[in-house]
């Protein structure tokens, strides 16, 4: 356990847009955290349902809750960047208004981050719930995602997919203050994936705790269902940037285009020959490139 006297303030950010159906459960889960030194920033992005009223009702019950209402819908990325400006905590905890975090969500991840100050972003494992929307075709109710826990394994996995859940992540505030990073509006629906890459580029470590700390709801109105194909396309764009970074770190100066072409693959292969890279590593690189065509 973390010593009570050493509890840093955590700013929980929950963006909300037309989530009256799930919002009470999501807020209650944050209220129920075993870790209590929180400010809970609920930011309403121009909802047209009863989300605003639900937020204000909770604010009357718990003085840790701060409510913000956008005059009109700004979209998720602008809303997240706006909320960050209000955050006073040493760490920012991100969760969504349709998901449910476990009671020890913050305490478990914070313990990991305090044990290694180089960790700037830390997520957790998650379990799906529900059976609606596009994702439910591939992930049944109760499916357990297993993400790698160590930095190097996470970065290598980024060549294939995003393995840090944005719905249960803690981010050190220095990412946004000292390093001046923000969610990038040029990467809609994959803004988190892009941010994790930028954290790696500034020398920060990534991690996942091995605990299951999130029920990730599958439904037809979630971003991953409504914008599934655009999300996949932007995610692939980030993966190409990850591959370019890893190629450069391996001594290959050739920069891939997006989208990757057969000519790109040929040029990378020629570069691996020039620097006399082992056949095993050559095959691994080419396999990654073909996956991301």
C-alpha atoms as a PDB file:
ATOM      1  CA  UNK A   1       0.000   0.000   0.000  1.00  0.00           C
ATOM      2  CA  UNK A   2       1.010   3.608  -0.609  1.00  0.00           C
ATOM      3  CA  UNK A   3       1.615   5.611   2.533  1.00  0.00           C
ATOM      4  CA  UNK A   4      -1.455   7.786   3.109  1.00  0.00           C
ATOM      5  CA  UNK A   5       0.676  10.857   3.844  1.00  0.00           C
ATOM      6  CA  UNK A   6       2.410  10.512   0.465  1.00  0.00           C
ATOM      7  CA  UNK A   7      -0.751  10.472  -1.664  1.00  0.00           C
ATOM      8  CA  UNK A   8      -0.318  12.781  -4.665  1.00  0.00           C
ATOM      9  CA  UNK A   9      -3.397  14.449  -6.091  1.00  0.00           C
ATOM     10  CA  UNK A  10      -4.810  12.580  -9.084  1.00  0.00           C
ATOM     11  CA  UNK A  11      -6.937  14.403 -11.663  1.00  0.00           C
ATOM     12  CA  UNK A  12      -9.505  12.046 -13.157  1.00  0.00           C
ATOM     13  CA  UNK A  13     -10.721  13.236 -16.549  1.00  0.00           C
ATOM     14  CA  UNK A  14     -13.987  11.875 -17.947  1.00  0.00           C
ATOM     15  CA  UNK A  15     -15.202  13.383 -21.249  1.00  0.00           C
ATOM     16  CA  UNK A  16     -18.945  12.987 -21.751  1.00  0.00           C
ATOM     17  CA  UNK A  17     -21.122  13.164 -24.842  1.00  0.00           C
ATOM     18  CA  UNK A  18     -24.676  11.796 -24.737  1.00  0.00           C
ATOM     19  CA  UNK A  19     -23.950   9.045 -22.246  1.00  0.00           C
ATOM     20  CA  UNK A  20     -26.986   9.254 -19.958  1.00  0.00           C
ATOM     21  CA  UNK A  21     -27.515   5.478 -20.298  1.00  0.00           C
ATOM     22  CA  UNK A  22     -24.146   4.576 -18.773  1.00  0.00           C
ATOM     23  CA  UNK A  23     -22.998   7.718 -16.968  1.00  0.00           C
ATOM     24  CA  UNK A  24     -24.181   6.926 -13.435  1.00  0.00           C
ATOM     25  CA  UNK A  25     -22.292   3.634 -13.422  1.00  0.00           C
ATOM     26  CA  UNK A  26     -19.142   5.242 -14.784  1.00  0.00           C
ATOM     27  CA  UNK A  27     -19.117   8.067 -12.226  1.00  0.00           C
ATOM     28  CA  UNK A  28     -19.996   5.728  -9.348  1.00  0.00           C
ATOM     29  CA  UNK A  29     -16.990   3.562 -10.244  1.00  0.00           C
ATOM     30  CA  UNK A  30     -14.679   6.578  -9.928  1.00  0.00           C
ATOM     31  CA  UNK A  31     -16.298   7.656  -6.649  1.00  0.00           C
ATOM     32  CA  UNK A  32     -15.719   4.127  -5.319  1.00  0.00           C
ATOM     33  CA  UNK A  33     -11.956   4.245  -5.804  1.00  0.00           C
ATOM     34  CA  UNK A  34      -9.950   2.993  -2.831  1.00  0.00           C
ATOM     35  CA  UNK A  35      -7.593   5.864  -3.616  1.00  0.00           C
ATOM     36  CA  UNK A  36      -9.359   8.977  -2.369  1.00  0.00           C
ATOM     37  CA  UNK A  37      -7.119  11.988  -3.080  1.00  0.00           C
ATOM     38  CA  UNK A  38      -8.843  12.835  -6.343  1.00  0.00           C
ATOM     39  CA  UNK A  39     -10.260  15.709  -8.283  1.00  0.00           C
ATOM     40  CA  UNK A  40     -12.830  14.375 -10.712  1.00  0.00           C
ATOM     41  CA  UNK A  41     -13.216  16.485 -13.847  1.00  0.00           C
ATOM     42  CA  UNK A  42     -16.436  15.735 -15.702  1.00  0.00           C
ATOM     43  CA  UNK A  43     -16.474  17.584 -19.004  1.00  0.00           C
ATOM     44  CA  UNK A  44     -19.664  17.657 -21.036  1.00  0.00           C
ATOM     45  CA  UNK A  45     -19.041  18.074 -24.756  1.00  0.00           C
ATOM     46  CA  UNK A  46     -22.360  19.624 -25.718  1.00  0.00           C
ATOM     47  CA  UNK A  47     -24.599  16.649 -24.890  1.00  0.00           C
ATOM     48  CA  UNK A  48     -28.224  16.826 -26.014  1.00  0.00           C
ATOM     49  CA  UNK A  49     -29.498  14.206 -23.559  1.00  0.00           C
ATOM     50  CA  UNK A  50     -29.607  14.320 -19.738  1.00  0.00           C
ATOM     51  CA  UNK A  51     -25.856  13.907 -19.243  1.00  0.00           C
ATOM     52  CA  UNK A  52     -25.421  17.478 -17.969  1.00  0.00           C
ATOM     53  CA  UNK A  53     -28.092  17.049 -15.313  1.00  0.00           C
ATOM     54  CA  UNK A  54     -26.600  13.752 -14.177  1.00  0.00           C
ATOM     55  CA  UNK A  55     -23.180  15.389 -13.848  1.00  0.00           C
ATOM     56  CA  UNK A  56     -24.521  18.236 -11.738  1.00  0.00           C
ATOM     57  CA  UNK A  57     -26.424  15.828  -9.514  1.00  0.00           C
ATOM     58  CA  UNK A  58     -23.205  13.972  -8.734  1.00  0.00           C
ATOM     59  CA  UNK A  59     -21.327  17.244  -8.159  1.00  0.00           C
ATOM     60  CA  UNK A  60     -23.763  18.097  -5.371  1.00  0.00           C
ATOM     61  CA  UNK A  61     -22.976  14.785  -3.680  1.00  0.00           C
ATOM     62  CA  UNK A  62     -19.170  14.859  -3.884  1.00  0.00           C
ATOM     63  CA  UNK A  63     -17.051  18.041  -3.499  1.00  0.00           C
ATOM     64  CA  UNK A  64     -14.183  16.442  -5.442  1.00  0.00           C
ATOM     65  CA  UNK A  65     -16.216  16.690  -8.648  1.00  0.00           C
ATOM     66  CA  UNK A  66     -15.613  19.598 -11.026  1.00  0.00           C
ATOM     67  CA  UNK A  67     -18.071  20.025 -13.896  1.00  0.00           C
ATOM     68  CA  UNK A  68     -17.279  21.747 -17.185  1.00  0.00           C
ATOM     69  CA  UNK A  69     -19.778  22.279 -19.999  1.00  0.00           C
ATOM     70  CA  UNK A  70     -18.699  23.035 -23.558  1.00  0.00           C
ATOM     71  CA  UNK A  71     -21.112  25.484 -25.189  1.00  0.00           C
ATOM     72  CA  UNK A  72     -21.154  23.275 -28.276  1.00  0.00           C
ATOM     73  CA  UNK A  73     -19.647  19.956 -29.323  1.00  0.00           C
ATOM     74  CA  UNK A  74     -15.878  20.321 -29.739  1.00  0.00           C
ATOM     75  CA  UNK A  75     -15.072  16.664 -30.310  1.00  0.00           C
ATOM     76  CA  UNK A  76     -13.067  14.346 -28.074  1.00  0.00           C
ATOM     77  CA  UNK A  77      -9.561  15.625 -28.788  1.00  0.00           C
ATOM     78  CA  UNK A  78     -10.258  19.301 -28.128  1.00  0.00           C
ATOM     79  CA  UNK A  79     -12.305  18.341 -25.082  1.00  0.00           C
ATOM     80  CA  UNK A  80      -9.456  16.271 -23.632  1.00  0.00           C
ATOM     81  CA  UNK A  81      -6.924  19.049 -24.201  1.00  0.00           C
ATOM     82  CA  UNK A  82      -9.295  21.532 -22.596  1.00  0.00           C
ATOM     83  CA  UNK A  83      -9.774  19.318 -19.533  1.00  0.00           C
ATOM     84  CA  UNK A  84      -6.019  18.942 -19.094  1.00  0.00           C
ATOM     85  CA  UNK A  85      -5.756  22.718 -18.635  1.00  0.00           C
ATOM     86  CA  UNK A  86      -8.000  22.454 -15.562  1.00  0.00           C
ATOM     87  CA  UNK A  87      -6.146  19.497 -14.013  1.00  0.00           C
ATOM     88  CA  UNK A  88      -4.175  20.287 -10.853  1.00  0.00           C
ATOM     89  CA  UNK A  89      -2.991  16.767 -10.072  1.00  0.00           C
ATOM     90  CA  UNK A  90       0.498  15.315 -10.351  1.00  0.00           C
ATOM     91  CA  UNK A  91      -1.025  12.516 -12.416  1.00  0.00           C
ATOM     92  CA  UNK A  92      -3.926  12.485 -14.853  1.00  0.00           C
ATOM     93  CA  UNK A  93      -6.208   9.453 -14.855  1.00  0.00           C
ATOM     94  CA  UNK A  94      -8.331   8.903 -17.956  1.00  0.00           C
ATOM     95  CA  UNK A  95     -11.555   6.955 -18.120  1.00  0.00           C
ATOM     96  CA  UNK A  96     -14.638   6.987 -20.297  1.00  0.00           C
ATOM     97  CA  UNK A  97     -18.259   7.678 -19.522  1.00  0.00           C
ATOM     98  CA  UNK A  98     -19.454   4.303 -20.803  1.00  0.00           C
ATOM     99  CA  UNK A  99     -16.904   2.069 -19.049  1.00  0.00           C
ATOM    100  CA  UNK A 100     -16.488   0.868 -15.469  1.00  0.00           C
ATOM    101  CA  UNK A 101     -13.153   0.973 -13.639  1.00  0.00           C
ATOM    102  CA  UNK A 102     -12.398  -1.402 -10.774  1.00  0.00           C
ATOM    103  CA  UNK A 103     -12.180   0.064  -7.223  1.00  0.00           C
ATOM    104  CA  UNK A 104      -8.379  -0.364  -7.061  1.00  0.00           C
ATOM    105  CA  UNK A 105      -7.793   1.060 -10.543  1.00  0.00           C
ATOM    106  CA  UNK A 106      -5.884   4.166  -9.473  1.00  0.00           C
ATOM    107  CA  UNK A 107      -4.092   2.683  -6.460  1.00  0.00           C
ATOM    108  CA  UNK A 108      -2.715  -0.257  -8.475  1.00  0.00           C
ATOM    109  CA  UNK A 109      -1.392   1.820 -11.365  1.00  0.00           C
ATOM    110  CA  UNK A 110      -0.078   4.613  -9.147  1.00  0.00           C
ATOM    111  CA  UNK A 111       1.904   2.119  -7.086  1.00  0.00           C
ATOM    112  CA  UNK A 112       3.593   0.921 -10.286  1.00  0.00           C
ATOM    113  CA  UNK A 113       4.369   4.445 -11.476  1.00  0.00           C
ATOM    114  CA  UNK A 114       5.770   5.579  -8.123  1.00  0.00           C
ATOM    115  CA  UNK A 115       8.078   2.553  -8.122  1.00  0.00           C
ATOM    116  CA  UNK A 116       9.715   3.797 -11.342  1.00  0.00           C
ATOM    117  CA  UNK A 117       9.657   7.568 -11.978  1.00  0.00           C
ATOM    118  CA  UNK A 118      10.652   7.004 -15.620  1.00  0.00           C
ATOM    119  CA  UNK A 119       7.193   5.535 -16.311  1.00  0.00           C
ATOM    120  CA  UNK A 120       5.122   8.376 -17.740  1.00  0.00           C
ATOM    121  CA  UNK A 121       2.165   6.341 -19.018  1.00  0.00           C
ATOM    122  CA  UNK A 122       0.717   3.222 -17.423  1.00  0.00           C
ATOM    123  CA  UNK A 123      -2.372   1.225 -18.306  1.00  0.00           C
ATOM    124  CA  UNK A 124      -3.895  -2.070 -17.229  1.00  0.00           C
ATOM    125  CA  UNK A 125      -5.643  -5.189 -18.473  1.00  0.00           C
ATOM    126  CA  UNK A 126      -9.339  -5.032 -19.344  1.00  0.00           C
ATOM    127  CA  UNK A 127     -12.413  -7.216 -19.701  1.00  0.00           C
ATOM    128  CA  UNK A 128     -15.175  -6.624 -22.233  1.00  0.00           C
ATOM    129  CA  UNK A 129     -18.816  -6.372 -21.251  1.00  0.00           C
ATOM    130  CA  UNK A 130     -21.845  -6.200 -23.504  1.00  0.00           C
ATOM    131  CA  UNK A 131     -22.470  -7.681 -26.932  1.00  0.00           C
ATOM    132  CA  UNK A 132     -23.461  -4.779 -29.183  1.00  0.00           C
ATOM    133  CA  UNK A 133     -21.571  -2.892 -31.900  1.00  0.00           C
ATOM    134  CA  UNK A 134     -18.897  -3.856 -34.417  1.00  0.00           C
ATOM    135  CA  UNK A 135     -16.331  -4.977 -31.823  1.00  0.00           C
ATOM    136  CA  UNK A 136     -18.736  -7.566 -30.413  1.00  0.00           C
ATOM    137  CA  UNK A 137     -18.294  -9.536 -33.646  1.00  0.00           C
ATOM    138  CA  UNK A 138     -14.722 -10.295 -32.604  1.00  0.00           C
ATOM    139  CA  UNK A 139     -14.825 -10.019 -28.798  1.00  0.00           C
ATOM    140  CA  UNK A 140     -17.470 -11.801 -26.753  1.00  0.00           C
ATOM    141  CA  UNK A 141     -18.824 -10.525 -23.458  1.00  0.00           C
ATOM    142  CA  UNK A 142     -16.216 -11.264 -20.777  1.00  0.00           C
ATOM    143  CA  UNK A 143     -13.255 -11.427 -23.189  1.00  0.00           C
ATOM    144  CA  UNK A 144      -9.996 -10.704 -21.366  1.00  0.00           C
ATOM    145  CA  UNK A 145      -7.449  -8.536 -23.163  1.00  0.00           C
ATOM    146  CA  UNK A 146      -3.878  -9.348 -22.155  1.00  0.00           C
ATOM    147  CA  UNK A 147      -1.484  -6.495 -22.847  1.00  0.00           C
ATOM    148  CA  UNK A 148       2.310  -6.645 -22.403  1.00  0.00           C
ATOM    149  CA  UNK A 149       3.561  -5.059 -19.200  1.00  0.00           C
ATOM    150  CA  UNK A 150       7.137  -3.991 -20.030  1.00  0.00           C
ATOM    151  CA  UNK A 151       8.170  -0.953 -22.069  1.00  0.00           C
ATOM    152  CA  UNK A 152      10.112  -2.730 -24.818  1.00  0.00           C
ATOM    153  CA  UNK A 153       7.402  -5.328 -25.366  1.00  0.00           C
ATOM    154  CA  UNK A 154       4.761  -2.586 -25.542  1.00  0.00           C
ATOM    155  CA  UNK A 155       6.711  -0.600 -28.148  1.00  0.00           C
ATOM    156  CA  UNK A 156       7.311  -3.678 -30.288  1.00  0.00           C
ATOM    157  CA  UNK A 157       3.611  -4.548 -30.053  1.00  0.00           C
ATOM    158  CA  UNK A 158       2.765  -1.080 -31.355  1.00  0.00           C
ATOM    159  CA  UNK A 159       3.825  -2.339 -34.796  1.00  0.00           C
ATOM    160  CA  UNK A 160       0.612  -4.371 -34.784  1.00  0.00           C
ATOM    161  CA  UNK A 161      -1.857  -2.583 -32.467  1.00  0.00           C
ATOM    162  CA  UNK A 162      -2.309  -0.163 -29.602  1.00  0.00           C
ATOM    163  CA  UNK A 163      -1.789  -2.119 -26.381  1.00  0.00           C
ATOM    164  CA  UNK A 164      -2.456   0.614 -23.797  1.00  0.00           C
ATOM    165  CA  UNK A 165      -6.117   1.181 -22.983  1.00  0.00           C
ATOM    166  CA  UNK A 166      -7.030   4.853 -22.983  1.00  0.00           C
ATOM    167  CA  UNK A 167     -10.010   4.066 -20.753  1.00  0.00           C
ATOM    168  CA  UNK A 168      -7.957   3.178 -17.676  1.00  0.00           C
ATOM    169  CA  UNK A 169      -4.619   4.929 -18.105  1.00  0.00           C
ATOM    170  CA  UNK A 170      -2.600   7.168 -15.772  1.00  0.00           C
ATOM    171  CA  UNK A 171      -0.351   9.796 -17.317  1.00  0.00           C
ATOM    172  CA  UNK A 172       2.259  11.818 -15.462  1.00  0.00           C
ATOM    173  CA  UNK A 173       1.329  15.492 -15.681  1.00  0.00           C
ATOM    174  CA  UNK A 174       4.853  16.362 -16.869  1.00  0.00           C
ATOM    175  CA  UNK A 175       3.926  14.886 -20.257  1.00  0.00           C
ATOM    176  CA  UNK A 176       1.695  17.935 -20.748  1.00  0.00           C
ATOM    177  CA  UNK A 177       3.587  20.551 -18.713  1.00  0.00           C
ATOM    178  CA  UNK A 178       7.341  19.930 -18.969  1.00  0.00           C
ATOM    179  CA  UNK A 179       7.209  18.222 -22.363  1.00  0.00           C
ATOM    180  CA  UNK A 180       4.277  20.254 -23.747  1.00  0.00           C
ATOM    181  CA  UNK A 181       2.639  17.289 -25.469  1.00  0.00           C
ATOM    182  CA  UNK A 182      -1.051  17.314 -26.345  1.00  0.00           C
ATOM    183  CA  UNK A 183      -3.553  15.031 -27.999  1.00  0.00           C
ATOM    184  CA  UNK A 184      -3.008  15.593 -31.721  1.00  0.00           C
ATOM    185  CA  UNK A 185      -6.065  16.675 -33.728  1.00  0.00           C
ATOM    186  CA  UNK A 186      -4.489  15.201 -36.866  1.00  0.00           C
ATOM    187  CA  UNK A 187      -5.001  11.701 -35.435  1.00  0.00           C
ATOM    188  CA  UNK A 188      -8.759  11.443 -34.785  1.00  0.00           C
ATOM    189  CA  UNK A 189      -9.932   8.229 -33.098  1.00  0.00           C
ATOM    190  CA  UNK A 190      -6.303   7.216 -32.464  1.00  0.00           C
ATOM    191  CA  UNK A 191      -5.130  10.319 -30.583  1.00  0.00           C
ATOM    192  CA  UNK A 192      -4.122   8.192 -27.595  1.00  0.00           C
ATOM    193  CA  UNK A 193      -1.968   5.858 -29.708  1.00  0.00           C
ATOM    194  CA  UNK A 194      -0.168   8.873 -31.195  1.00  0.00           C
ATOM    195  CA  UNK A 195       0.400  10.326 -27.714  1.00  0.00           C
ATOM    196  CA  UNK A 196       1.977   7.086 -26.461  1.00  0.00           C
ATOM    197  CA  UNK A 197       4.409   7.188 -29.406  1.00  0.00           C
ATOM    198  CA  UNK A 198       5.360  10.787 -28.660  1.00  0.00           C
ATOM    199  CA  UNK A 199       6.002   9.858 -25.016  1.00  0.00           C
ATOM    200  CA  UNK A 200       8.411   7.166 -26.219  1.00  0.00           C
ATOM    201  CA  UNK A 201      10.181   9.709 -28.438  1.00  0.00           C
ATOM    202  CA  UNK A 202      10.850  12.035 -25.471  1.00  0.00           C
ATOM    203  CA  UNK A 203      12.403   9.139 -23.567  1.00  0.00           C
ATOM    204  CA  UNK A 204       9.458   8.247 -21.349  1.00  0.00           C
ATOM    205  CA  UNK A 205       8.669   4.684 -20.359  1.00  0.00           C
ATOM    206  CA  UNK A 206       5.361   2.940 -20.936  1.00  0.00           C
ATOM    207  CA  UNK A 207       3.923   0.167 -18.795  1.00  0.00           C
ATOM    208  CA  UNK A 208       0.834  -1.893 -18.062  1.00  0.00           C
ATOM    209  CA  UNK A 209       0.059  -3.448 -14.707  1.00  0.00           C
ATOM    210  CA  UNK A 210      -1.025  -7.067 -14.933  1.00  0.00           C
ATOM    211  CA  UNK A 211      -4.257  -6.524 -12.974  1.00  0.00           C
ATOM    212  CA  UNK A 212      -7.635  -6.393 -14.700  1.00  0.00           C
ATOM    213  CA  UNK A 213      -8.890  -2.910 -13.823  1.00  0.00           C
ATOM    214  CA  UNK A 214     -11.500  -2.060 -16.445  1.00  0.00           C
ATOM    215  CA  UNK A 215     -14.795  -3.332 -17.776  1.00  0.00           C
ATOM    216  CA  UNK A 216     -14.725  -2.121 -21.372  1.00  0.00           C
ATOM    217  CA  UNK A 217     -18.275  -1.783 -22.648  1.00  0.00           C
ATOM    218  CA  UNK A 218     -19.115  -2.927 -26.175  1.00  0.00           C
ATOM    219  CA  UNK A 219     -22.025  -1.010 -27.689  1.00  0.00           C
ATOM    220  CA  UNK A 220     -23.084   0.423 -31.028  1.00  0.00           C
ATOM    221  CA  UNK A 221     -22.518   4.086 -30.075  1.00  0.00           C
ATOM    222  CA  UNK A 222     -18.907   3.812 -28.916  1.00  0.00           C
ATOM    223  CA  UNK A 223     -16.156   5.432 -30.994  1.00  0.00           C
ATOM    224  CA  UNK A 224     -14.661   2.084 -32.010  1.00  0.00           C
ATOM    225  CA  UNK A 225     -18.026   1.076 -33.514  1.00  0.00           C
ATOM    226  CA  UNK A 226     -19.142   4.383 -35.033  1.00  0.00           C
ATOM    227  CA  UNK A 227     -15.736   5.171 -36.563  1.00  0.00           C
ATOM    228  CA  UNK A 228     -14.233   1.716 -36.856  1.00  0.00           C
ATOM    229  CA  UNK A 229     -12.679   2.024 -40.315  1.00  0.00           C
ATOM    230  CA  UNK A 230     -11.328   5.585 -39.855  1.00  0.00           C
ATOM    231  CA  UNK A 231      -9.896   4.496 -36.497  1.00  0.00           C
ATOM    232  CA  UNK A 232      -8.146   1.554 -38.144  1.00  0.00           C
ATOM    233  CA  UNK A 233      -6.746   3.795 -40.883  1.00  0.00           C
ATOM    234  CA  UNK A 234      -5.345   6.376 -38.450  1.00  0.00           C
ATOM    235  CA  UNK A 235      -4.048   3.590 -36.234  1.00  0.00           C
ATOM    236  CA  UNK A 236      -2.144   2.182 -39.192  1.00  0.00           C
ATOM    237  CA  UNK A 237      -0.667   5.643 -39.789  1.00  0.00           C
ATOM    238  CA  UNK A 238       0.689   5.623 -36.225  1.00  0.00           C
ATOM    239  CA  UNK A 239       2.018   2.085 -36.674  1.00  0.00           C
ATOM    240  CA  UNK A 240       4.016   3.242 -39.703  1.00  0.00           C
ATOM    241  CA  UNK A 241       5.542   6.004 -37.548  1.00  0.00           C
ATOM    242  CA  UNK A 242       6.414   3.403 -34.909  1.00  0.00           C
ATOM    243  CA  UNK A 243       8.092   1.224 -37.534  1.00  0.00           C
ATOM    244  CA  UNK A 244      10.079   4.192 -38.876  1.00  0.00           C
ATOM    245  CA  UNK A 245      11.322   4.912 -35.359  1.00  0.00           C
ATOM    246  CA  UNK A 246      12.365   1.291 -34.824  1.00  0.00           C
ATOM    247  CA  UNK A 247      14.043   1.087 -38.243  1.00  0.00           C
ATOM    248  CA  UNK A 248      16.053   4.221 -37.506  1.00  0.00           C
ATOM    249  CA  UNK A 249      17.061   2.797 -34.129  1.00  0.00           C
ATOM    250  CA  UNK A 250      18.285  -0.305 -35.988  1.00  0.00           C
ATOM    251  CA  UNK A 251      20.482   1.749 -38.298  1.00  0.00           C
ATOM    252  CA  UNK A 252      18.104   1.872 -41.280  1.00  0.00           C
ATOM    253  CA  UNK A 253      17.681   5.445 -42.486  1.00  0.00           C
ATOM    254  CA  UNK A 254      15.006   4.755 -45.102  1.00  0.00           C
ATOM    255  CA  UNK A 255      11.689   6.363 -44.142  1.00  0.00           C
ATOM    256  CA  UNK A 256       8.485   4.550 -44.991  1.00  0.00           C
ATOM    257  CA  UNK A 257       5.593   6.288 -46.654  1.00  0.00           C
ATOM    258  CA  UNK A 258       2.007   6.053 -45.490  1.00  0.00           C
ATOM    259  CA  UNK A 259       0.444   3.913 -46.698  1.00  0.00           C
ATOM    260  CA  UNK A 260       3.295   1.438 -47.089  1.00  0.00           C
ATOM    261  CA  UNK A 261       3.952   0.265 -50.640  1.00  0.00           C
ATOM    262  CA  UNK A 262       5.746  -2.725 -52.171  1.00  0.00           C
ATOM    263  CA  UNK A 263       8.507  -0.312 -53.186  1.00  0.00           C
ATOM    264  CA  UNK A 264       8.948   0.626 -49.515  1.00  0.00           C
ATOM    265  CA  UNK A 265       9.371  -3.024 -48.596  1.00  0.00           C
ATOM    266  CA  UNK A 266      11.973  -3.501 -51.329  1.00  0.00           C
ATOM    267  CA  UNK A 267      13.951  -0.440 -50.213  1.00  0.00           C
ATOM    268  CA  UNK A 268      13.928  -1.541 -46.562  1.00  0.00           C
ATOM    269  CA  UNK A 269      15.107  -5.012 -47.586  1.00  0.00           C
ATOM    270  CA  UNK A 270      17.964  -3.478 -49.593  1.00  0.00           C
ATOM    271  CA  UNK A 271      18.918  -1.370 -46.581  1.00  0.00           C
ATOM    272  CA  UNK A 272      19.013  -4.432 -44.320  1.00  0.00           C
ATOM    273  CA  UNK A 273      21.372  -6.062 -46.833  1.00  0.00           C
ATOM    274  CA  UNK A 274      23.663  -3.041 -46.852  1.00  0.00           C
ATOM    275  CA  UNK A 275      24.128  -3.028 -43.083  1.00  0.00           C
ATOM    276  CA  UNK A 276      24.456  -6.852 -43.079  1.00  0.00           C
ATOM    277  CA  UNK A 277      21.514  -7.462 -40.789  1.00  0.00           C
ATOM    278  CA  UNK A 278      20.928 -11.066 -39.804  1.00  0.00           C
ATOM    279  CA  UNK A 279      18.528 -13.118 -41.923  1.00  0.00           C
ATOM    280  CA  UNK A 280      16.284 -13.717 -38.893  1.00  0.00           C
ATOM    281  CA  UNK A 281      15.861  -9.983 -38.195  1.00  0.00           C
ATOM    282  CA  UNK A 282      15.395  -9.272 -41.919  1.00  0.00           C
ATOM    283  CA  UNK A 283      12.509 -11.737 -42.061  1.00  0.00           C
ATOM    284  CA  UNK A 284      10.930 -10.260 -38.950  1.00  0.00           C
ATOM    285  CA  UNK A 285      11.056  -6.728 -40.391  1.00  0.00           C
ATOM    286  CA  UNK A 286       9.600  -7.766 -43.740  1.00  0.00           C
ATOM    287  CA  UNK A 287       6.816  -9.658 -41.952  1.00  0.00           C
ATOM    288  CA  UNK A 288       5.896  -6.499 -40.022  1.00  0.00           C
ATOM    289  CA  UNK A 289       5.870  -4.438 -43.227  1.00  0.00           C
ATOM    290  CA  UNK A 290       3.612  -6.894 -45.028  1.00  0.00           C
ATOM    291  CA  UNK A 291       1.229  -6.878 -42.067  1.00  0.00           C
ATOM    292  CA  UNK A 292       0.942  -3.095 -42.343  1.00  0.00           C
ATOM    293  CA  UNK A 293       0.432  -2.893 -46.120  1.00  0.00           C
END
